[in-house]
Amino acid sequence: MLRFDPASEKFEVIPLPRANAAVRQILGRPGKVWLAESGTGFVTVIRTG
């Protein structure tokens, strides 16, 4: 997972917690990004705030 900071024009790498996670859908709301991991059967939440 990558996060882009437009102010610095740089990317930050955010590793996923499980190997072989095939993320096919990303949903979000203020302060959170939800990732559906189809390769593992898990849902991951990345807190952004």
PDB file of N, CA and C in Angstrom:
ATOM      1  N   MET A   1       0.854  -1.151   0.000  1.00  0.00           N
ATOM      2  CA  MET A   1       0.000   0.000   0.000  1.00  0.00           C
ATOM      3  C   MET A   1       0.900   1.213   0.000  1.00  0.00           C
ATOM      4  N   LEU A   2       0.538   2.221  -0.793  1.00  0.00           N
ATOM      5  CA  LEU A   2       1.295   3.461  -0.846  1.00  0.00           C
ATOM      6  C   LEU A   2       0.402   4.627  -0.456  1.00  0.00           C
ATOM      7  N   ARG A   3       0.981   5.593   0.246  1.00  0.00           N
ATOM      8  CA  ARG A   3       0.279   6.820   0.581  1.00  0.00           C
ATOM      9  C   ARG A   3       1.088   7.970  -0.024  1.00  0.00           C
ATOM     10  N   PHE A   4       0.409   8.860  -0.738  1.00  0.00           N
ATOM     11  CA  PHE A   4       1.068   9.998  -1.367  1.00  0.00           C
ATOM     12  C   PHE A   4       0.797  11.266  -0.578  1.00  0.00           C
ATOM     13  N   ASP A   5       1.855  12.010  -0.286  1.00  0.00           N
ATOM     14  CA  ASP A   5       1.742  13.294   0.399  1.00  0.00           C
ATOM     15  C   ASP A   5       1.959  14.391  -0.642  1.00  0.00           C
ATOM     16  N   PRO A   6       0.901  15.096  -1.041  1.00  0.00           N
ATOM     17  CA  PRO A   6       1.054  16.111  -2.084  1.00  0.00           C
ATOM     18  C   PRO A   6       1.944  17.288  -1.662  1.00  0.00           C
ATOM     19  N   ALA A   7       2.031  17.563  -0.372  1.00  0.00           N
ATOM     20  CA  ALA A   7       2.861  18.680   0.084  1.00  0.00           C
ATOM     21  C   ALA A   7       4.349  18.405  -0.162  1.00  0.00           C
ATOM     22  N   SER A   8       4.786  17.197   0.151  1.00  0.00           N
ATOM     23  CA  SER A   8       6.199  16.841  -0.044  1.00  0.00           C
ATOM     24  C   SER A   8       6.445  16.141  -1.376  1.00  0.00           C
ATOM     25  N   GLU A   9       5.361  15.769  -2.061  1.00  0.00           N
ATOM     26  CA  GLU A   9       5.430  15.027  -3.330  1.00  0.00           C
ATOM     27  C   GLU A   9       6.194  13.710  -3.170  1.00  0.00           C
ATOM     28  N   LYS A  10       5.986  13.041  -2.026  1.00  0.00           N
ATOM     29  CA  LYS A  10       6.646  11.759  -1.768  1.00  0.00           C
ATOM     30  C   LYS A  10       5.623  10.697  -1.401  1.00  0.00           C
ATOM     31  N   PHE A  11       6.007   9.442  -1.650  1.00  0.00           N
ATOM     32  CA  PHE A  11       5.189   8.292  -1.297  1.00  0.00           C
ATOM     33  C   PHE A  11       5.712   7.678  -0.002  1.00  0.00           C
ATOM     34  N   GLU A  12       4.790   7.149   0.798  1.00  0.00           N
ATOM     35  CA  GLU A  12       5.131   6.382   1.992  1.00  0.00           C
ATOM     36  C   GLU A  12       4.630   4.958   1.780  1.00  0.00           C
ATOM     37  N   VAL A  13       5.474   3.975   2.053  1.00  0.00           N
ATOM     38  CA  VAL A  13       5.094   2.565   1.921  1.00  0.00           C
ATOM     39  C   VAL A  13       4.459   2.103   3.226  1.00  0.00           C
ATOM     40  N   ILE A  14       3.257   1.532   3.122  1.00  0.00           N
ATOM     41  CA  ILE A  14       2.563   0.961   4.280  1.00  0.00           C
ATOM     42  C   ILE A  14       2.429  -0.538   4.016  1.00  0.00           C
ATOM     43  N   PRO A  15       3.205  -1.368   4.711  1.00  0.00           N
ATOM     44  CA  PRO A  15       3.125  -2.813   4.467  1.00  0.00           C
ATOM     45  C   PRO A  15       1.800  -3.391   4.956  1.00  0.00           C
ATOM     46  N   LEU A  16       1.283  -4.350   4.224  1.00  0.00           N
ATOM     47  CA  LEU A  16       0.070  -5.045   4.646  1.00  0.00           C
ATOM     48  C   LEU A  16       0.446  -6.105   5.682  1.00  0.00           C
ATOM     49  N   PRO A  17      -0.448  -6.399   6.619  1.00  0.00           N
ATOM     50  CA  PRO A  17      -0.100  -7.302   7.721  1.00  0.00           C
ATOM     51  C   PRO A  17       0.004  -8.779   7.343  1.00  0.00           C
ATOM     52  N   ARG A  18      -0.507  -9.189   6.186  1.00  0.00           N
ATOM     53  CA  ARG A  18      -0.468 -10.599   5.802  1.00  0.00           C
ATOM     54  C   ARG A  18       0.143 -10.760   4.416  1.00  0.00           C
ATOM     55  N   ALA A  19       0.923 -11.806   4.269  1.00  0.00           N
ATOM     56  CA  ALA A  19       1.490 -12.126   2.952  1.00  0.00           C
ATOM     57  C   ALA A  19       0.372 -12.597   2.025  1.00  0.00           C
ATOM     58  N   ASN A  20       0.547 -12.447   0.749  1.00  0.00           N
ATOM     59  CA  ASN A  20      -0.398 -12.895  -0.284  1.00  0.00           C
ATOM     60  C   ASN A  20      -1.744 -12.184  -0.223  1.00  0.00           C
ATOM     61  N   ALA A  21      -1.789 -10.986   0.334  1.00  0.00           N
ATOM     62  CA  ALA A  21      -3.032 -10.222   0.380  1.00  0.00           C
ATOM     63  C   ALA A  21      -3.264  -9.579  -0.977  1.00  0.00           C
ATOM     64  N   ALA A  22      -4.286 -10.020  -1.678  1.00  0.00           N
ATOM     65  CA  ALA A  22      -4.638  -9.464  -2.985  1.00  0.00           C
ATOM     66  C   ALA A  22      -5.763  -8.450  -2.771  1.00  0.00           C
ATOM     67  N   VAL A  23      -5.400  -7.183  -2.660  1.00  0.00           N
ATOM     68  CA  VAL A  23      -6.386  -6.138  -2.402  1.00  0.00           C
ATOM     69  C   VAL A  23      -7.049  -5.752  -3.718  1.00  0.00           C
ATOM     70  N   ARG A  24      -8.353  -5.901  -3.775  1.00  0.00           N
ATOM     71  CA  ARG A  24      -9.101  -5.583  -4.992  1.00  0.00           C
ATOM     72  C   ARG A  24     -10.117  -4.486  -4.800  1.00  0.00           C
ATOM     73  N   GLN A  25     -10.326  -4.088  -3.562  1.00  0.00           N
ATOM     74  CA  GLN A  25     -11.291  -3.031  -3.292  1.00  0.00           C
ATOM     75  C   GLN A  25     -10.785  -2.207  -2.116  1.00  0.00           C
ATOM     76  N   ILE A  26     -10.843  -0.880  -2.271  1.00  0.00           N
ATOM     77  CA  ILE A  26     -10.423   0.041  -1.227  1.00  0.00           C
ATOM     78  C   ILE A  26     -11.575   1.005  -0.969  1.00  0.00           C
ATOM     79  N   LEU A  27     -11.968   1.109   0.284  1.00  0.00           N
ATOM     80  CA  LEU A  27     -13.032   2.031   0.685  1.00  0.00           C
ATOM     81  C   LEU A  27     -12.482   2.953   1.761  1.00  0.00           C
ATOM     82  N   GLY A  28     -13.055   4.125   1.887  1.00  0.00           N
ATOM     83  CA  GLY A  28     -12.525   5.033   2.892  1.00  0.00           C
ATOM     84  C   GLY A  28     -13.573   5.939   3.492  1.00  0.00           C
ATOM     85  N   ARG A  29     -13.204   6.508   4.607  1.00  0.00           N
ATOM     86  CA  ARG A  29     -13.966   7.549   5.274  1.00  0.00           C
ATOM     87  C   ARG A  29     -12.938   8.383   6.014  1.00  0.00           C
ATOM     88  N   PRO A  30     -13.273   9.534   6.492  1.00  0.00           N
ATOM     89  CA  PRO A  30     -12.269  10.364   7.152  1.00  0.00           C
ATOM     90  C   PRO A  30     -11.536   9.621   8.268  1.00  0.00           C
ATOM     91  N   GLY A  31     -10.232   9.532   8.146  1.00  0.00           N
ATOM     92  CA  GLY A  31      -9.400   8.896   9.162  1.00  0.00           C
ATOM     93  C   GLY A  31      -9.176   7.410   9.015  1.00  0.00           C
ATOM     94  N   LYS A  32      -9.841   6.756   8.051  1.00  0.00           N
ATOM     95  CA  LYS A  32      -9.699   5.304   7.893  1.00  0.00           C
ATOM     96  C   LYS A  32      -9.738   4.909   6.420  1.00  0.00           C
ATOM     97  N   VAL A  33      -8.961   3.875   6.092  1.00  0.00           N
ATOM     98  CA  VAL A  33      -9.021   3.247   4.777  1.00  0.00           C
ATOM     99  C   VAL A  33      -9.245   1.762   5.020  1.00  0.00           C
ATOM    100  N   TRP A  34     -10.269   1.195   4.369  1.00  0.00           N
ATOM    101  CA  TRP A  34     -10.622  -0.217   4.524  1.00  0.00           C
ATOM    102  C   TRP A  34     -10.177  -0.963   3.270  1.00  0.00           C
ATOM    103  N   LEU A  35      -9.483  -2.081   3.467  1.00  0.00           N
ATOM    104  CA  LEU A  35      -8.977  -2.896   2.366  1.00  0.00           C
ATOM    105  C   LEU A  35      -9.557  -4.301   2.475  1.00  0.00           C
ATOM    106  N   ALA A  36     -10.209  -4.755   1.442  1.00  0.00           N
ATOM    107  CA  ALA A  36     -10.706  -6.137   1.403  1.00  0.00           C
ATOM    108  C   ALA A  36      -9.615  -7.016   0.797  1.00  0.00           C
ATOM    109  N   GLU A  37      -9.101  -7.969   1.581  1.00  0.00           N
ATOM    110  CA  GLU A  37      -8.030  -8.858   1.127  1.00  0.00           C
ATOM    111  C   GLU A  37      -8.644 -10.143   0.573  1.00  0.00           C
ATOM    112  N   SER A  38      -8.793 -10.227  -0.729  1.00  0.00           N
ATOM    113  CA  SER A  38      -9.444 -11.402  -1.308  1.00  0.00           C
ATOM    114  C   SER A  38      -8.561 -12.639  -1.256  1.00  0.00           C
ATOM    115  N   GLY A  39      -7.258 -12.482  -1.155  1.00  0.00           N
ATOM    116  CA  GLY A  39      -6.374 -13.639  -1.098  1.00  0.00           C
ATOM    117  C   GLY A  39      -6.265 -14.254   0.284  1.00  0.00           C
ATOM    118  N   THR A  40      -6.760 -13.553   1.324  1.00  0.00           N
ATOM    119  CA  THR A  40      -6.627 -14.063   2.684  1.00  0.00           C
ATOM    120  C   THR A  40      -7.952 -14.195   3.415  1.00  0.00           C
ATOM    121  N   GLY A  41      -9.002 -13.535   2.924  1.00  0.00           N
ATOM    122  CA  GLY A  41     -10.295 -13.568   3.591  1.00  0.00           C
ATOM    123  C   GLY A  41     -10.401 -12.604   4.758  1.00  0.00           C
ATOM    124  N   PHE A  42      -9.494 -11.630   4.829  1.00  0.00           N
ATOM    125  CA  PHE A  42      -9.494 -10.643   5.913  1.00  0.00           C
ATOM    126  C   PHE A  42      -9.838  -9.258   5.390  1.00  0.00           C
ATOM    127  N   VAL A  43     -10.215  -8.384   6.295  1.00  0.00           N
ATOM    128  CA  VAL A  43     -10.394  -6.960   6.024  1.00  0.00           C
ATOM    129  C   VAL A  43      -9.389  -6.214   6.897  1.00  0.00           C
ATOM    130  N   THR A  44      -8.635  -5.295   6.294  1.00  0.00           N
ATOM    131  CA  THR A  44      -7.635  -4.519   7.021  1.00  0.00           C
ATOM    132  C   THR A  44      -8.090  -3.066   7.097  1.00  0.00           C
ATOM    133  N   VAL A  45      -7.829  -2.427   8.223  1.00  0.00           N
ATOM    134  CA  VAL A  45      -8.120  -1.005   8.395  1.00  0.00           C
ATOM    135  C   VAL A  45      -6.816  -0.275   8.637  1.00  0.00           C
ATOM    136  N   ILE A  46      -6.576   0.763   7.847  1.00  0.00           N
ATOM    137  CA  ILE A  46      -5.414   1.630   8.045  1.00  0.00           C
ATOM    138  C   ILE A  46      -5.943   2.948   8.576  1.00  0.00           C
ATOM    139  N   ARG A  47      -5.496   3.336   9.754  1.00  0.00           N
ATOM    140  CA  ARG A  47      -5.931   4.604  10.345  1.00  0.00           C
ATOM    141  C   ARG A  47      -5.009   5.716   9.857  1.00  0.00           C
ATOM    142  N   THR A  48      -5.610   6.759   9.316  1.00  0.00           N
ATOM    143  CA  THR A  48      -4.833   7.835   8.694  1.00  0.00           C
ATOM    144  C   THR A  48      -4.807   9.106   9.518  1.00  0.00           C
ATOM    145  N   GLY A  49      -5.592   9.180  10.562  1.00  0.00           N
ATOM    146  CA  GLY A  49      -5.687  10.426  11.307  1.00  0.00           C
ATOM    147  C   GLY A  49      -5.096  10.401  12.666  1.00  0.00           C
TER     148      GLY A  49
END
